[in-house]
């Protein structure tokens, strides 16, 4: 598991609950926060946390448009790669 995956899972585990329970995140990260029952307010809060944790612009619109945590990881990795490219 890569650093981005580990950090994102930690953010979700420490900040997101559904009906008082931690979200069950599969190893492949192919889980939709919306389909898992995460509230829109929690998704907005997570988008802000991701922006801070990864030091990237990550809008609520981008967060909602990315359907799974796997897509969020890929998005963050592509942002990191473009930031380090000359």
C-alpha atoms as a PDB file:
ATOM      1  CA  UNK A   1       0.000   0.000   0.000  1.00  0.00           C
ATOM      2  CA  UNK A   2       1.368   3.398  -0.983  1.00  0.00           C
ATOM      3  CA  UNK A   3       1.833   6.441   1.196  1.00  0.00           C
ATOM      4  CA  UNK A   4      -1.148   8.254  -0.346  1.00  0.00           C
ATOM      5  CA  UNK A   5      -3.414   5.270   0.307  1.00  0.00           C
ATOM      6  CA  UNK A   6      -2.244   4.936   3.903  1.00  0.00           C
ATOM      7  CA  UNK A   7      -2.715   8.625   4.638  1.00  0.00           C
ATOM      8  CA  UNK A   8      -6.166   8.758   3.012  1.00  0.00           C
ATOM      9  CA  UNK A   9      -7.360   5.648   4.866  1.00  0.00           C
ATOM     10  CA  UNK A  10      -6.139   7.170   8.108  1.00  0.00           C
ATOM     11  CA  UNK A  11      -8.055  10.389   7.397  1.00  0.00           C
ATOM     12  CA  UNK A  12     -11.227   8.462   6.642  1.00  0.00           C
ATOM     13  CA  UNK A  13     -10.889   6.131   9.630  1.00  0.00           C
ATOM     14  CA  UNK A  14     -10.241   9.009  12.024  1.00  0.00           C
ATOM     15  CA  UNK A  15     -12.947  11.326  10.724  1.00  0.00           C
ATOM     16  CA  UNK A  16     -15.780   9.453   8.991  1.00  0.00           C
ATOM     17  CA  UNK A  17     -18.490   7.341  10.586  1.00  0.00           C
ATOM     18  CA  UNK A  18     -21.756   5.954   9.275  1.00  0.00           C
ATOM     19  CA  UNK A  19     -24.385   5.360  11.930  1.00  0.00           C
ATOM     20  CA  UNK A  20     -21.709   5.603  14.614  1.00  0.00           C
ATOM     21  CA  UNK A  21     -19.542   2.936  12.977  1.00  0.00           C
ATOM     22  CA  UNK A  22     -16.221   3.259  11.190  1.00  0.00           C
ATOM     23  CA  UNK A  23     -16.444   2.886   7.435  1.00  0.00           C
ATOM     24  CA  UNK A  24     -15.442  -0.555   6.143  1.00  0.00           C
ATOM     25  CA  UNK A  25     -12.782   0.215   3.549  1.00  0.00           C
ATOM     26  CA  UNK A  26     -11.878  -2.637   1.181  1.00  0.00           C
ATOM     27  CA  UNK A  27      -8.214  -3.197   0.321  1.00  0.00           C
ATOM     28  CA  UNK A  28      -8.751  -2.064  -3.284  1.00  0.00           C
ATOM     29  CA  UNK A  29     -10.325   1.213  -2.030  1.00  0.00           C
ATOM     30  CA  UNK A  30     -13.224   0.766  -4.421  1.00  0.00           C
ATOM     31  CA  UNK A  31     -15.799   2.169  -2.046  1.00  0.00           C
ATOM     32  CA  UNK A  32     -18.087   5.114  -2.710  1.00  0.00           C
ATOM     33  CA  UNK A  33     -18.524   7.382   0.290  1.00  0.00           C
ATOM     34  CA  UNK A  34     -21.969   8.422  -0.927  1.00  0.00           C
ATOM     35  CA  UNK A  35     -23.120   4.825  -1.458  1.00  0.00           C
ATOM     36  CA  UNK A  36     -21.699   3.881   1.950  1.00  0.00           C
ATOM     37  CA  UNK A  37     -24.024   6.430   3.546  1.00  0.00           C
ATOM     38  CA  UNK A  38     -21.541   9.191   4.348  1.00  0.00           C
ATOM     39  CA  UNK A  39     -23.344  12.514   4.744  1.00  0.00           C
ATOM     40  CA  UNK A  40     -22.667  15.417   2.416  1.00  0.00           C
ATOM     41  CA  UNK A  41     -21.404  17.453   5.378  1.00  0.00           C
ATOM     42  CA  UNK A  42     -18.854  14.745   6.192  1.00  0.00           C
ATOM     43  CA  UNK A  43     -17.754  14.645   2.542  1.00  0.00           C
ATOM     44  CA  UNK A  44     -17.223  18.421   2.596  1.00  0.00           C
ATOM     45  CA  UNK A  45     -15.206  18.111   5.815  1.00  0.00           C
ATOM     46  CA  UNK A  46     -13.149  15.282   4.305  1.00  0.00           C
ATOM     47  CA  UNK A  47     -12.394  17.390   1.209  1.00  0.00           C
ATOM     48  CA  UNK A  48     -11.030  20.114   3.488  1.00  0.00           C
ATOM     49  CA  UNK A  49      -8.962  17.605   5.462  1.00  0.00           C
ATOM     50  CA  UNK A  50      -7.544  16.126   2.250  1.00  0.00           C
ATOM     51  CA  UNK A  51      -6.564  19.631   1.084  1.00  0.00           C
ATOM     52  CA  UNK A  52      -4.699  20.235   4.322  1.00  0.00           C
ATOM     53  CA  UNK A  53      -3.121  16.782   4.644  1.00  0.00           C
ATOM     54  CA  UNK A  54      -1.868  16.612   1.049  1.00  0.00           C
ATOM     55  CA  UNK A  55      -1.285  20.353   0.554  1.00  0.00           C
ATOM     56  CA  UNK A  56      -3.342  20.425  -2.655  1.00  0.00           C
ATOM     57  CA  UNK A  57      -6.345  22.297  -3.925  1.00  0.00           C
ATOM     58  CA  UNK A  58      -9.132  19.735  -3.566  1.00  0.00           C
ATOM     59  CA  UNK A  59     -12.539  21.238  -4.067  1.00  0.00           C
ATOM     60  CA  UNK A  60     -15.805  19.773  -2.900  1.00  0.00           C
ATOM     61  CA  UNK A  61     -16.759  19.406  -6.569  1.00  0.00           C
ATOM     62  CA  UNK A  62     -13.650  17.303  -7.213  1.00  0.00           C
ATOM     63  CA  UNK A  63     -14.354  15.246  -4.113  1.00  0.00           C
ATOM     64  CA  UNK A  64     -17.918  14.536  -5.229  1.00  0.00           C
ATOM     65  CA  UNK A  65     -16.944  13.830  -8.845  1.00  0.00           C
ATOM     66  CA  UNK A  66     -14.455  11.158  -7.776  1.00  0.00           C
ATOM     67  CA  UNK A  67     -16.612   8.104  -7.175  1.00  0.00           C
ATOM     68  CA  UNK A  68     -14.328   5.929  -5.049  1.00  0.00           C
ATOM     69  CA  UNK A  69     -11.450   6.323  -2.632  1.00  0.00           C
ATOM     70  CA  UNK A  70      -9.272   4.650  -5.290  1.00  0.00           C
ATOM     71  CA  UNK A  71     -10.106   7.534  -7.656  1.00  0.00           C
ATOM     72  CA  UNK A  72      -9.204  10.025  -4.906  1.00  0.00           C
ATOM     73  CA  UNK A  73      -5.810   8.324  -4.429  1.00  0.00           C
ATOM     74  CA  UNK A  74      -5.164   8.391  -8.197  1.00  0.00           C
ATOM     75  CA  UNK A  75      -6.167  12.074  -8.314  1.00  0.00           C
ATOM     76  CA  UNK A  76      -3.836  12.961  -5.434  1.00  0.00           C
ATOM     77  CA  UNK A  77      -0.954  10.982  -6.937  1.00  0.00           C
ATOM     78  CA  UNK A  78      -1.426  12.780 -10.288  1.00  0.00           C
ATOM     79  CA  UNK A  79      -1.439  16.161  -8.512  1.00  0.00           C
ATOM     80  CA  UNK A  80       1.781  15.230  -6.718  1.00  0.00           C
ATOM     81  CA  UNK A  81       3.392  14.075  -9.966  1.00  0.00           C
ATOM     82  CA  UNK A  82       2.459  17.270 -11.804  1.00  0.00           C
ATOM     83  CA  UNK A  83       3.767  19.381  -8.913  1.00  0.00           C
ATOM     84  CA  UNK A  84       7.194  17.751  -9.131  1.00  0.00           C
ATOM     85  CA  UNK A  85       7.425  17.851 -12.953  1.00  0.00           C
ATOM     86  CA  UNK A  86       9.569  20.632 -14.430  1.00  0.00           C
END
